[in-house]
Amino acid sequence: MARKNLLASLTEKKLPEGEGAGDSEAQTPAPSAAAPARSPSSAFSSRGAFGAVTRTIDDLAARADAARSLEARLAAGEVIVELDPGLIDRSPIADRMEPEDESYRALRDSIAEKGQDSPILVRPHPEQKGRYQVAFGHRRLAAATELGRPVRAVVKPLTDRDLVIAQGQENSARADLSFIERSRFAQSLEEAGHDRETIMQALSIDKTTLSRLISVASRLPTDIVEAVGPAPGAGRDRWVALSKAYAEKVRERPVDPLLESDRFTSAPSDRRFEMLFQHLTRAATATPRSKPHPWIARNGQRVAMVTESAQAFTLAIDRAVAPDFGGFLLERLEALYEEYQSGPRRKSNLRFSIDL
């Protein structure tokens, strides 16, 4: 509902039932006993063009009084109003990662059918007059925006600390955020300069839980977490294990090829988590080296011993059998490598070493 309509609803006078709009006598209230008698001149002034101007001024004054009254009530958070979603900005601290999920669509459809039951909480924007910021109710705001309808809201003056506490506690009460969303929210609050007492109050958690939340978020880069998404099915222990595996194994097992693959990007968030988890935990299990086996030349001589693993291929040349073979290979190694690069086995990632 626009502001004009809100003010009109507070100031418009309704006619008693059965009285028509054209009944001028019915629209003129009778003077009360306490009201002073009107002089002929004042009676005359209520008629004609002059009277119309007087009534317009009186009406504007009444509307201005109503506006001031409404603003005072809004400042006290006493009323629920309807606001244009285009005037409302998101909270400076993000909490939810993927608002366009199945639960959001169910919420949107419910609002479309039955209306918005619960108001959102907003504050007057601290820097832009006439605008607002959401404390909580981002998905209800998104649904109202998508549906092209006003959003029901309570407007209260909130400090930055009040805003994040209200935002965090509402989400905690709904048990609505996944572990990694809470983790990112805690980290963002700390990076924004909020002390840990404020963050614990916002999330309704103790020091140990807060430390765990922030440690997981600090181990995992933002782009990795955003690529995986909220993964609501992955709880605290799985995220802790993933963050440790990433910190320990990402150099050995780069994740970019996986994150950029179609099978990863097209999968649901929980499945993306599982794919990354398996990718990193497989890398955490060391592949045993094979037992050394000989390389035998056509003349039957055991020239070298070969050892292979997932990380390296080692050729140990027996100097007693071929004392100069190692140097011979080194002289031709560049040409052999170029031939290898242009050959069908170019994608191999084994490291080659020679023990002379």
Protein backbone atom coordinates (compact mmCIF):
# COMPACT_ATOMS: atom_id res chain seq x y z
CA MET A 1 0.00 0.00 0.00
CA ALA A 2 1.48 3.36 -0.94
CA ARG A 3 2.17 5.98 1.69
CA LYS A 4 -0.60 8.20 0.26
CA ASN A 5 -3.16 5.44 0.80
CA LEU A 6 -1.92 4.83 4.32
CA LEU A 7 -2.38 8.48 5.22
CA ALA A 8 -5.76 8.58 3.51
CA SER A 9 -6.96 5.64 5.56
CA LEU A 10 -6.11 7.55 8.73
CA THR A 11 -7.77 10.81 7.69
CA GLU A 12 -10.75 9.96 5.47
CA LYS A 13 -14.14 10.20 7.14
CA LYS A 14 -16.76 7.55 6.36
CA LEU A 15 -20.38 8.41 5.80
CA PRO A 16 -23.07 6.76 7.93
CA GLU A 17 -24.91 3.99 6.12
CA GLY A 18 -27.76 5.22 3.94
CA GLU A 19 -26.38 8.73 3.37
CA GLY A 20 -25.47 9.59 -0.20
CA ALA A 21 -22.45 11.51 -1.36
CA GLY A 22 -24.69 14.18 -2.87
CA ASP A 23 -26.44 14.93 0.46
CA SER A 24 -24.65 18.13 1.45
CA GLU A 25 -26.51 18.40 4.72
CA ALA A 26 -25.53 14.88 5.72
CA GLN A 27 -21.87 15.66 5.07
CA THR A 28 -21.89 18.74 7.34
CA PRO A 29 -21.41 17.72 10.97
CA ALA A 30 -23.72 19.33 13.53
CA PRO A 31 -21.97 21.74 15.91
CA SER A 32 -21.39 20.34 19.36
CA ALA A 33 -22.60 22.04 22.49
CA ALA A 34 -19.06 22.94 23.43
CA ALA A 35 -18.28 24.46 20.06
CA PRO A 36 -18.58 28.26 19.79
CA ALA A 37 -21.39 29.64 17.68
CA ARG A 38 -20.31 30.49 14.15
CA SER A 39 -20.67 34.09 13.08
CA PRO A 40 -22.46 34.96 9.84
CA SER A 41 -19.13 35.84 8.28
CA SER A 42 -17.63 32.48 9.16
CA ALA A 43 -20.72 30.75 7.86
CA PHE A 44 -20.38 32.67 4.63
CA SER A 45 -16.68 31.77 4.39
CA SER A 46 -17.51 28.06 4.32
CA ARG A 47 -19.33 28.47 1.05
CA GLY A 48 -18.12 29.17 -2.46
CA ALA A 49 -14.53 29.32 -3.72
CA PHE A 50 -13.18 30.82 -0.50
CA GLY A 51 -14.75 28.04 1.51
CA ALA A 52 -13.23 25.41 -0.78
CA VAL A 53 -9.77 26.89 -0.24
CA THR A 54 -10.30 26.95 3.51
CA ARG A 55 -11.45 23.34 3.56
CA THR A 56 -8.42 22.30 1.44
CA ILE A 57 -6.02 24.00 3.87
CA ASP A 58 -7.75 22.35 6.81
CA ASP A 59 -7.55 18.99 5.05
CA LEU A 60 -3.82 19.39 4.30
CA ALA A 61 -3.18 20.34 7.92
CA ALA A 62 -5.07 17.26 9.10
CA ARG A 63 -3.12 15.04 6.71
CA ALA A 64 0.17 16.57 7.90
CA ASP A 65 -0.82 15.84 11.50
CA ALA A 66 -1.71 12.29 10.49
CA ALA A 67 1.65 11.88 8.76
CA ARG A 68 3.51 13.05 11.85
CA SER A 69 1.44 10.69 13.98
CA LEU A 70 2.15 7.78 11.62
CA GLU A 71 5.90 8.50 11.63
CA ALA A 72 5.90 8.57 15.42
CA ARG A 73 4.08 5.24 15.56
CA LEU A 74 6.46 3.72 13.01
CA ALA A 75 9.46 4.93 15.00
CA ALA A 76 8.07 3.12 18.03
CA GLY A 77 7.49 -0.03 15.98
CA GLU A 78 3.83 -0.07 16.95
CA VAL A 79 2.24 -0.72 13.56
CA ILE A 80 2.56 -3.01 10.58
CA VAL A 81 2.67 -1.12 7.30
CA GLU A 82 2.86 -2.05 3.65
CA LEU A 83 5.97 -0.83 1.83
CA ASP A 84 7.10 -0.81 -1.76
CA PRO A 85 9.75 -3.59 -2.02
CA GLY A 86 11.73 -1.30 -4.33
CA LEU A 87 12.44 0.97 -1.35
CA ILE A 88 13.99 -1.82 0.74
CA ASP A 89 17.64 -2.90 0.62
CA ARG A 90 19.11 -6.14 1.92
CA SER A 91 20.90 -6.35 5.23
CA PRO A 92 24.59 -5.38 4.97
CA ILE A 93 25.44 -8.88 6.29
CA ALA A 94 24.23 -11.71 4.04
CA ASP A 95 22.99 -14.93 5.63
CA ARG A 96 21.19 -17.11 3.09
CA MET A 97 23.11 -18.39 0.05
CA GLU A 98 20.45 -19.75 -2.30
CA PRO A 99 17.05 -18.07 -1.83
CA GLU A 100 15.67 -19.67 -5.00
CA ASP A 101 15.31 -23.17 -3.58
CA GLU A 102 12.24 -25.37 -3.15
CA SER A 103 11.33 -23.91 0.24
CA TYR A 104 11.44 -20.39 -1.20
CA ARG A 105 9.15 -21.37 -4.04
CA ALA A 106 6.71 -22.88 -1.54
CA LEU A 107 6.79 -19.64 0.47
CA ARG A 108 6.23 -17.53 -2.64
CA ASP A 109 3.28 -19.66 -3.74
CA SER A 110 1.77 -19.50 -0.25
CA ILE A 111 2.00 -15.69 -0.21
CA ALA A 112 0.49 -15.55 -3.69
CA GLU A 113 -2.48 -17.66 -2.54
CA LYS A 114 -3.07 -16.59 1.06
CA GLY A 115 -1.13 -13.38 1.52
CA GLN A 116 1.81 -12.62 3.80
CA ASP A 117 1.10 -13.79 7.35
CA SER A 118 4.26 -12.62 9.12
CA PRO A 119 5.68 -9.14 8.62
CA ILE A 120 9.35 -8.55 7.96
CA LEU A 121 11.46 -6.27 10.15
CA VAL A 122 13.14 -3.27 8.56
CA ARG A 123 14.90 -0.17 9.76
CA PRO A 124 15.10 3.29 8.17
CA HIS A 125 18.18 3.24 5.95
CA PRO A 126 21.06 4.84 7.91
CA GLU A 127 22.41 6.65 4.84
CA GLN A 128 19.55 7.07 2.35
CA LYS A 129 16.47 8.97 3.46
CA GLY A 130 13.21 7.38 2.40
CA ARG A 131 14.72 3.90 2.03
CA TYR A 132 14.89 0.91 4.39
CA GLN A 133 17.13 -2.05 5.25
CA VAL A 134 15.93 -5.54 6.11
CA ALA A 135 16.79 -7.03 9.47
CA PHE A 136 14.98 -10.28 8.69
CA GLY A 137 12.51 -11.51 6.12
CA HIS A 138 14.69 -11.46 2.99
CA ARG A 139 12.78 -14.31 1.34
CA ARG A 140 9.40 -12.73 2.08
CA LEU A 141 10.74 -9.51 0.54
CA ALA A 142 11.98 -11.43 -2.52
CA ALA A 143 8.59 -13.11 -2.88
CA ALA A 144 6.71 -9.80 -2.66
CA THR A 145 9.07 -8.32 -5.25
CA GLU A 146 8.54 -11.26 -7.59
CA LEU A 147 4.78 -11.14 -7.13
CA GLY A 148 4.66 -7.37 -7.66
CA ARG A 149 2.90 -6.61 -4.40
CA PRO A 150 3.68 -4.51 -1.30
CA VAL A 151 5.44 -6.21 1.60
CA ARG A 152 4.05 -6.07 5.14
CA ALA A 153 6.72 -4.76 7.50
CA VAL A 154 7.42 -3.44 10.96
CA VAL A 155 9.71 -0.41 10.84
CA LYS A 156 11.96 0.14 13.86
CA PRO A 157 15.07 2.25 14.39
CA LEU A 158 17.90 -0.25 14.88
CA THR A 159 21.62 0.16 15.41
CA ASP A 160 23.95 -2.05 13.36
CA ARG A 161 24.31 -4.30 16.40
CA ASP A 162 20.54 -4.47 16.94
CA LEU A 163 20.03 -5.34 13.28
CA VAL A 164 22.43 -8.28 13.16
CA ILE A 165 21.17 -9.65 16.49
CA ALA A 166 17.58 -9.52 15.26
CA GLN A 167 18.61 -11.07 11.94
CA GLY A 168 20.59 -13.89 13.54
CA GLN A 169 18.09 -14.70 16.27
CA GLU A 170 15.17 -14.88 13.84
CA ASN A 171 17.08 -17.31 11.65
CA SER A 172 18.17 -19.36 14.68
CA ALA A 173 14.59 -19.52 15.95
CA ARG A 174 13.42 -20.87 12.60
CA ALA A 175 16.32 -23.39 12.42
CA ASP A 176 16.38 -22.22 8.84
CA LEU A 177 20.05 -21.87 7.91
CA SER A 178 22.45 -24.67 7.06
CA PHE A 179 25.71 -25.10 8.97
CA ILE A 180 27.84 -23.37 6.32
CA GLU A 181 25.39 -20.45 6.06
CA ARG A 182 25.69 -19.93 9.82
CA SER A 183 29.45 -20.29 9.51
CA ARG A 184 29.65 -17.63 6.79
CA PHE A 185 27.29 -15.35 8.71
CA ALA A 186 29.49 -15.57 11.83
CA GLN A 187 32.63 -14.87 9.80
CA SER A 188 31.00 -11.92 8.02
CA LEU A 189 29.91 -10.42 11.34
CA GLU A 190 33.45 -10.68 12.70
CA GLU A 191 34.93 -9.17 9.54
CA ALA A 192 32.43 -6.31 9.83
CA GLY A 193 33.86 -5.48 13.26
CA HIS A 194 31.26 -7.00 15.57
CA ASP A 195 32.67 -8.47 18.78
CA ARG A 196 32.22 -12.14 19.60
CA GLU A 197 29.70 -11.45 22.35
CA THR A 198 27.43 -9.85 19.75
CA ILE A 199 27.92 -12.75 17.34
CA MET A 200 27.16 -15.33 20.05
CA GLN A 201 24.01 -13.44 20.97
CA ALA A 202 22.95 -13.16 17.33
CA LEU A 203 23.35 -16.89 16.69
CA SER A 204 22.38 -18.05 20.20
CA ILE A 205 25.59 -20.09 20.54
CA ASP A 206 28.49 -20.48 22.94
CA LYS A 207 32.19 -19.71 22.45
CA THR A 208 33.12 -23.24 21.39
CA THR A 209 30.48 -23.39 18.69
CA LEU A 210 31.40 -19.93 17.45
CA SER A 211 35.07 -20.88 17.17
CA ARG A 212 34.13 -23.96 15.17
CA LEU A 213 31.92 -21.95 12.83
CA ILE A 214 34.59 -19.36 12.13
CA SER A 215 37.38 -21.93 11.75
CA VAL A 216 35.46 -23.79 9.02
CA ALA A 217 34.71 -20.57 7.14
CA SER A 218 38.32 -19.43 7.41
CA ARG A 219 39.72 -22.69 5.98
CA LEU A 220 37.49 -22.64 2.90
CA PRO A 221 37.79 -19.82 0.33
CA THR A 222 34.61 -17.92 -0.40
CA ASP A 223 34.50 -19.04 -4.03
CA ILE A 224 34.67 -22.71 -2.97
CA VAL A 225 31.80 -22.32 -0.50
CA GLU A 226 29.69 -20.41 -3.01
CA ALA A 227 30.35 -23.07 -5.65
CA VAL A 228 29.09 -25.78 -3.29
CA GLY A 229 26.16 -23.78 -1.90
CA PRO A 230 24.32 -24.24 1.41
CA ALA A 231 24.29 -28.08 1.29
CA PRO A 232 21.53 -28.38 3.91
CA GLY A 233 22.07 -32.13 4.20
CA ALA A 234 25.72 -31.76 5.25
CA GLY A 235 26.03 -31.12 8.96
CA ARG A 236 28.77 -29.72 11.15
CA ASP A 237 31.03 -32.79 11.20
CA ARG A 238 31.05 -33.18 7.42
CA TRP A 239 31.88 -29.51 6.85
CA VAL A 240 34.66 -29.67 9.45
CA ALA A 241 36.11 -32.75 7.70
CA LEU A 242 35.84 -31.08 4.29
CA SER A 243 37.57 -27.92 5.49
CA LYS A 244 40.46 -29.93 6.94
CA ALA A 245 40.81 -32.06 3.80
CA TYR A 246 40.83 -28.92 1.65
CA ALA A 247 43.52 -27.24 3.76
CA GLU A 248 45.71 -30.35 3.64
CA LYS A 249 45.20 -31.69 0.13
CA VAL A 250 44.17 -28.96 -2.29
CA ARG A 251 47.75 -28.53 -3.59
CA GLU A 252 47.97 -32.19 -4.46
CA ARG A 253 44.46 -32.36 -5.84
CA PRO A 254 43.36 -29.04 -7.41
CA VAL A 255 39.60 -28.55 -7.30
CA ASP A 256 39.08 -26.09 -10.18
CA PRO A 257 38.57 -28.77 -12.87
CA LEU A 258 35.85 -30.34 -10.73
CA LEU A 259 34.13 -27.05 -9.87
CA GLU A 260 34.05 -26.02 -13.52
CA SER A 261 32.69 -29.31 -14.82
CA ASP A 262 29.11 -29.55 -16.07
CA ARG A 263 28.35 -32.51 -13.82
CA PHE A 264 29.27 -30.39 -10.80
CA THR A 265 27.54 -27.13 -11.73
CA SER A 266 24.32 -28.89 -12.76
CA ALA A 267 24.07 -30.95 -9.55
CA PRO A 268 22.02 -29.96 -6.45
CA SER A 269 23.95 -28.36 -3.60
CA ASP A 270 24.10 -31.50 -1.42
CA ARG A 271 25.44 -33.50 -4.35
CA ARG A 272 28.05 -30.81 -5.10
CA PHE A 273 29.23 -31.07 -1.50
CA GLU A 274 29.52 -34.85 -1.80
CA MET A 275 31.48 -34.63 -5.05
CA LEU A 276 33.99 -32.19 -3.58
CA PHE A 277 34.24 -34.19 -0.37
CA GLN A 278 34.99 -37.41 -2.25
CA HIS A 279 37.48 -35.61 -4.51
CA LEU A 280 39.48 -34.33 -1.54
CA THR A 281 39.22 -37.32 0.75
CA ARG A 282 40.33 -39.68 -2.01
CA ALA A 283 43.38 -37.50 -2.37
CA ALA A 284 43.94 -37.72 1.36
CA THR A 285 44.46 -41.48 1.11
CA ALA A 286 48.03 -42.14 0.03
CA THR A 287 48.45 -44.47 -2.94
CA PRO A 288 51.09 -47.09 -2.08
CA ARG A 289 54.15 -47.30 -4.29
CA SER A 290 54.39 -50.40 -6.43
CA LYS A 291 57.12 -52.92 -5.74
CA PRO A 292 60.23 -52.19 -7.83
CA HIS A 293 60.34 -54.28 -10.98
CA PRO A 294 63.20 -54.59 -13.47
CA TRP A 295 63.42 -53.18 -16.95
CA ILE A 296 65.22 -55.84 -19.05
CA ALA A 297 66.81 -55.03 -22.40
CA ARG A 298 66.39 -57.28 -25.43
CA ASN A 299 69.83 -58.80 -24.79
CA GLY A 300 68.54 -60.02 -21.42
CA GLN A 301 70.41 -57.53 -19.24
CA ARG A 302 68.60 -55.99 -16.24
CA VAL A 303 69.45 -52.38 -17.00
CA ALA A 304 67.18 -50.56 -14.51
CA MET A 305 64.61 -50.93 -11.76
CA VAL A 306 61.22 -49.20 -12.14
CA THR A 307 59.03 -47.96 -9.25
CA GLU A 308 55.62 -46.35 -9.86
CA SER A 309 53.07 -44.53 -7.71
CA ALA A 310 50.29 -42.03 -8.27
CA GLN A 311 52.79 -39.21 -7.76
CA ALA A 312 56.02 -40.41 -9.43
CA PHE A 313 57.68 -42.78 -11.87
CA THR A 314 61.27 -43.67 -10.90
CA LEU A 315 63.85 -45.34 -13.15
CA ALA A 316 66.97 -46.48 -11.27
CA ILE A 317 69.75 -47.40 -13.71
CA ASP A 318 72.25 -50.05 -12.68
CA ARG A 319 75.69 -48.47 -13.27
CA ALA A 320 77.33 -51.85 -13.09
CA VAL A 321 75.41 -52.93 -16.19
CA ALA A 322 75.21 -49.61 -18.12
CA PRO A 323 77.52 -47.05 -16.50
CA ASP A 324 76.95 -44.27 -19.09
CA PHE A 325 73.30 -44.93 -19.88
CA GLY A 326 72.07 -42.28 -17.46
CA GLY A 327 74.14 -39.55 -19.10
CA PHE A 328 73.04 -40.76 -22.50
CA LEU A 329 69.38 -40.38 -21.46
CA LEU A 330 69.94 -36.91 -20.01
CA GLU A 331 71.47 -35.69 -23.26
CA ARG A 332 68.39 -36.81 -25.15
CA LEU A 333 65.80 -36.06 -22.48
CA GLU A 334 64.63 -32.76 -24.02
CA ALA A 335 63.92 -34.40 -27.40
CA LEU A 336 62.18 -37.30 -25.69
CA TYR A 337 60.05 -34.91 -23.65
CA GLU A 338 59.03 -32.97 -26.77
CA GLU A 339 58.08 -36.22 -28.45
CA TYR A 340 56.09 -37.16 -25.36
CA GLN A 341 54.29 -33.79 -25.30
CA SER A 342 53.12 -34.20 -28.87
CA GLY A 343 52.10 -37.81 -28.37
CA PRO A 344 48.86 -39.41 -27.19
CA ARG A 345 49.97 -39.62 -23.55
CA ARG A 346 50.27 -35.86 -23.07
CA LYS A 347 47.66 -35.77 -20.31
CA SER A 348 49.66 -38.00 -17.99
CA ASN A 349 50.59 -36.25 -14.74
CA LEU A 350 53.32 -38.64 -13.54
CA ARG A 351 56.64 -37.16 -12.55
CA PHE A 352 59.68 -38.87 -14.06
CA SER A 353 62.99 -39.17 -12.25
CA ILE A 354 66.18 -40.97 -13.04
CA ASP A 355 68.56 -42.34 -10.37
CA LEU A 356 71.98 -42.48 -11.94
